Amino acid sequence: MHPAPPDHIVLFDSLCHLCNGWSQLLLKHDKHCHFTLCRLQSPAGQFYLRQLGLPLHTFETMILLERKGNVFHQYHKSDAALRIAAQLEGPWHFLALLRYIPRPLRDLFYDLVARNRYRWFGRRSSCQLPSAKDKHRFLEDVSEENPNGPV
C-alpha cells in the first residue's frame, strides 16, 4: 500500500520568480508545516495536473489541494491564495479578509497578475529546486498507482 499524500498541497510554477517568492514566504511563515509545496514541473506536479485534467505546460494559476477523507478539493486563483494566507502566521493571515470581495473581481486582478507575471517579475531558465533544508516540505514524486490521488 502506498502512503497517503499530504493533506494540503500547493502546486506552483517554479519557473516564475513571483511564484517562487510566494513559496519562500509560505515556507517562512507556515511554522507548523501545514502545507506541502509541489512544483508543477516536477513528476508529482505533472501527475496532479493530469489527474485534474489541466494543461501540463501552461500554468495559469496556483492550485491548492486539500484532502478531506479520501477526496481532494481543489482551489484555484484567489481562492487558493486566500485559503493559504488564512493559515499563515503573522500579518499574512489578514489577507484572508479579501475573500469578502466578490470572487469575479478578485480573480480579475489575479488573472491580470498571472498573465503578466513573467514580464513583471521575470522567469527562470530552469526550475528552482528545494534547498536541502526545505526538501522535506516539497512533494516531488508520487506513484501513478496511488489510490489516494486527488481525483
Protein backbone atom coordinates (compact mmCIF):
# COMPACT_ATOMS: atom_id res chain seq x y z
CA MET A 1 0.00 0.00 0.00
CA HIS A 2 1.28 3.46 -0.89
CA PRO A 3 1.44 6.20 1.73
CA ALA A 4 -1.31 8.79 1.60
CA PRO A 5 -0.37 12.12 0.06
CA PRO A 6 -0.14 15.19 2.32
CA ASP A 7 -3.40 16.87 3.34
CA HIS A 8 -2.56 20.32 1.89
CA ILE A 9 -0.61 20.51 -1.36
CA VAL A 10 0.28 23.81 -3.03
CA LEU A 11 1.02 23.40 -6.74
CA PHE A 12 3.08 26.29 -8.13
CA ASP A 13 5.10 27.30 -11.20
CA SER A 14 8.75 27.00 -10.21
CA LEU A 15 9.93 28.93 -13.29
CA CYS A 16 8.13 32.07 -12.13
CA HIS A 17 10.02 34.43 -9.82
CA LEU A 18 6.76 35.65 -8.25
CA CYS A 19 5.60 32.08 -7.58
CA ASN A 20 8.98 31.15 -6.10
CA GLY A 21 8.80 34.22 -3.87
CA TRP A 22 5.35 33.13 -2.70
CA SER A 23 6.66 29.62 -1.97
CA GLN A 24 9.55 31.07 0.06
CA LEU A 25 7.10 33.24 2.01
CA LEU A 26 4.99 30.16 2.65
CA LEU A 27 7.99 28.18 3.91
CA LYS A 28 8.94 31.01 6.25
CA HIS A 29 5.50 31.71 7.71
CA ASP A 30 4.00 28.20 7.76
CA LYS A 31 5.68 27.37 11.08
CA HIS A 32 3.64 24.21 11.63
CA CYS A 33 4.42 22.78 8.18
CA HIS A 34 0.73 22.69 7.32
CA PHE A 35 1.41 22.93 3.56
CA THR A 36 3.49 20.79 1.24
CA LEU A 37 4.81 22.53 -1.86
CA CYS A 38 4.79 20.83 -5.25
CA ARG A 39 6.46 22.27 -8.33
CA LEU A 40 4.15 21.97 -11.35
CA GLN A 41 7.18 20.96 -13.42
CA SER A 42 8.03 18.02 -11.10
CA PRO A 43 6.79 14.46 -11.75
CA ALA A 44 4.32 14.90 -8.86
CA GLY A 45 3.08 18.24 -10.23
CA GLN A 46 2.57 16.72 -13.67
CA PHE A 47 0.72 13.77 -12.10
CA TYR A 48 -1.70 16.07 -10.29
CA LEU A 49 -2.24 18.24 -13.38
CA ARG A 50 -3.14 15.09 -15.36
CA GLN A 51 -5.49 13.93 -12.60
CA LEU A 52 -7.20 17.34 -12.59
CA GLY A 53 -7.46 17.45 -16.39
CA LEU A 54 -5.37 20.64 -16.59
CA PRO A 55 -2.74 21.61 -19.19
CA LEU A 56 0.70 20.15 -18.48
CA HIS A 57 2.79 23.00 -19.89
CA THR A 58 0.74 26.18 -19.44
CA PHE A 59 0.44 27.25 -15.83
CA GLU A 60 -2.16 29.94 -15.25
CA THR A 61 -2.84 29.52 -11.55
CA MET A 62 -1.53 28.30 -8.27
CA ILE A 63 -3.62 25.35 -7.07
CA LEU A 64 -4.35 24.28 -3.52
CA LEU A 65 -5.40 20.68 -2.97
CA GLU A 66 -6.98 19.98 0.42
CA ARG A 67 -7.67 16.39 1.36
CA LYS A 68 -10.85 15.68 3.26
CA GLY A 69 -11.13 11.95 3.88
CA ASN A 70 -10.19 10.23 0.63
CA VAL A 71 -11.18 13.16 -1.57
CA PHE A 72 -9.16 16.20 -2.62
CA HIS A 73 -10.89 19.54 -3.01
CA GLN A 74 -9.18 21.90 -5.40
CA TYR A 75 -8.92 25.67 -5.12
CA HIS A 76 -7.61 27.92 -7.86
CA LYS A 77 -6.57 31.55 -8.29
CA SER A 78 -7.56 33.92 -5.47
CA ASP A 79 -9.46 31.20 -3.59
CA ALA A 80 -6.21 29.21 -3.29
CA ALA A 81 -4.10 32.21 -2.30
CA LEU A 82 -6.56 33.40 0.35
CA ARG A 83 -7.10 29.92 1.84
CA ILE A 84 -3.33 29.60 2.16
CA ALA A 85 -2.90 33.10 3.61
CA ALA A 86 -5.56 32.37 6.24
CA GLN A 87 -3.37 29.56 7.62
CA LEU A 88 -0.12 31.54 7.82
CA GLU A 89 1.24 33.18 10.94
CA GLY A 90 1.92 36.87 11.28
CA PRO A 91 0.12 39.58 9.35
CA TRP A 92 -0.31 37.38 6.28
CA HIS A 93 -3.47 35.73 7.60
CA PHE A 94 -5.22 39.11 7.42
CA LEU A 95 -5.13 38.81 3.63
CA ALA A 96 -7.90 36.26 4.05
CA LEU A 97 -10.25 39.18 4.67
CA LEU A 98 -10.05 39.82 0.93
CA ARG A 99 -12.32 36.81 0.44
CA TYR A 100 -15.23 39.17 1.13
CA ILE A 101 -14.53 40.84 -2.21
CA PRO A 102 -16.59 39.00 -4.84
CA ARG A 103 -14.60 36.19 -6.49
CA PRO A 104 -15.02 37.50 -10.07
CA LEU A 105 -13.42 40.79 -9.05
CA ARG A 106 -10.62 39.05 -7.09
CA ASP A 107 -9.93 36.69 -9.97
CA LEU A 108 -9.88 39.56 -12.47
CA PHE A 109 -6.94 41.02 -10.55
CA TYR A 110 -5.37 37.55 -10.10
CA ASP A 111 -5.60 36.91 -13.86
CA LEU A 112 -4.03 40.29 -14.65
CA VAL A 113 -1.01 39.47 -12.48
CA ALA A 114 -0.84 35.85 -13.73
CA ARG A 115 -0.83 36.93 -17.39
CA ASN A 116 1.97 39.44 -16.79
CA ARG A 117 3.99 37.70 -14.07
CA TYR A 118 6.91 36.67 -16.31
CA ARG A 119 7.16 40.16 -17.78
CA TRP A 120 6.83 41.97 -14.44
CA PHE A 121 8.77 39.60 -12.16
CA GLY A 122 10.89 37.52 -14.53
CA ARG A 123 11.19 33.89 -15.47
CA ARG A 124 13.88 31.39 -14.58
CA SER A 125 15.53 29.39 -17.34
CA SER A 126 15.32 26.26 -15.19
CA CYS A 127 13.22 25.14 -12.24
CA GLN A 128 14.30 26.20 -8.79
CA LEU A 129 14.86 23.09 -6.73
CA PRO A 130 14.22 22.98 -2.98
CA SER A 131 17.18 23.54 -0.70
CA ALA A 132 18.42 20.64 1.41
CA LYS A 133 16.94 22.36 4.46
CA ASP A 134 13.46 22.60 2.87
CA LYS A 135 13.43 19.38 0.83
CA HIS A 136 11.08 17.66 3.32
CA ARG A 137 8.48 20.39 2.63
CA PHE A 138 8.26 19.50 -1.09
CA LEU A 139 6.43 16.73 -2.89
CA GLU A 140 8.50 15.81 -5.93
CA ASP A 141 7.20 12.40 -6.97
CA VAL A 142 4.10 10.25 -6.48
CA SER A 143 3.18 6.77 -7.54
CA GLU A 144 0.85 6.68 -10.55
CA GLU A 145 -0.97 3.81 -8.83
CA ASN A 146 -1.59 5.79 -5.64
CA PRO A 147 -5.23 5.14 -4.79
CA ASN A 148 -5.37 8.31 -2.70
CA GLY A 149 -4.74 10.71 -5.59
CA PRO A 150 -6.76 13.91 -5.87
CA VAL A 151 -9.46 12.60 -8.19
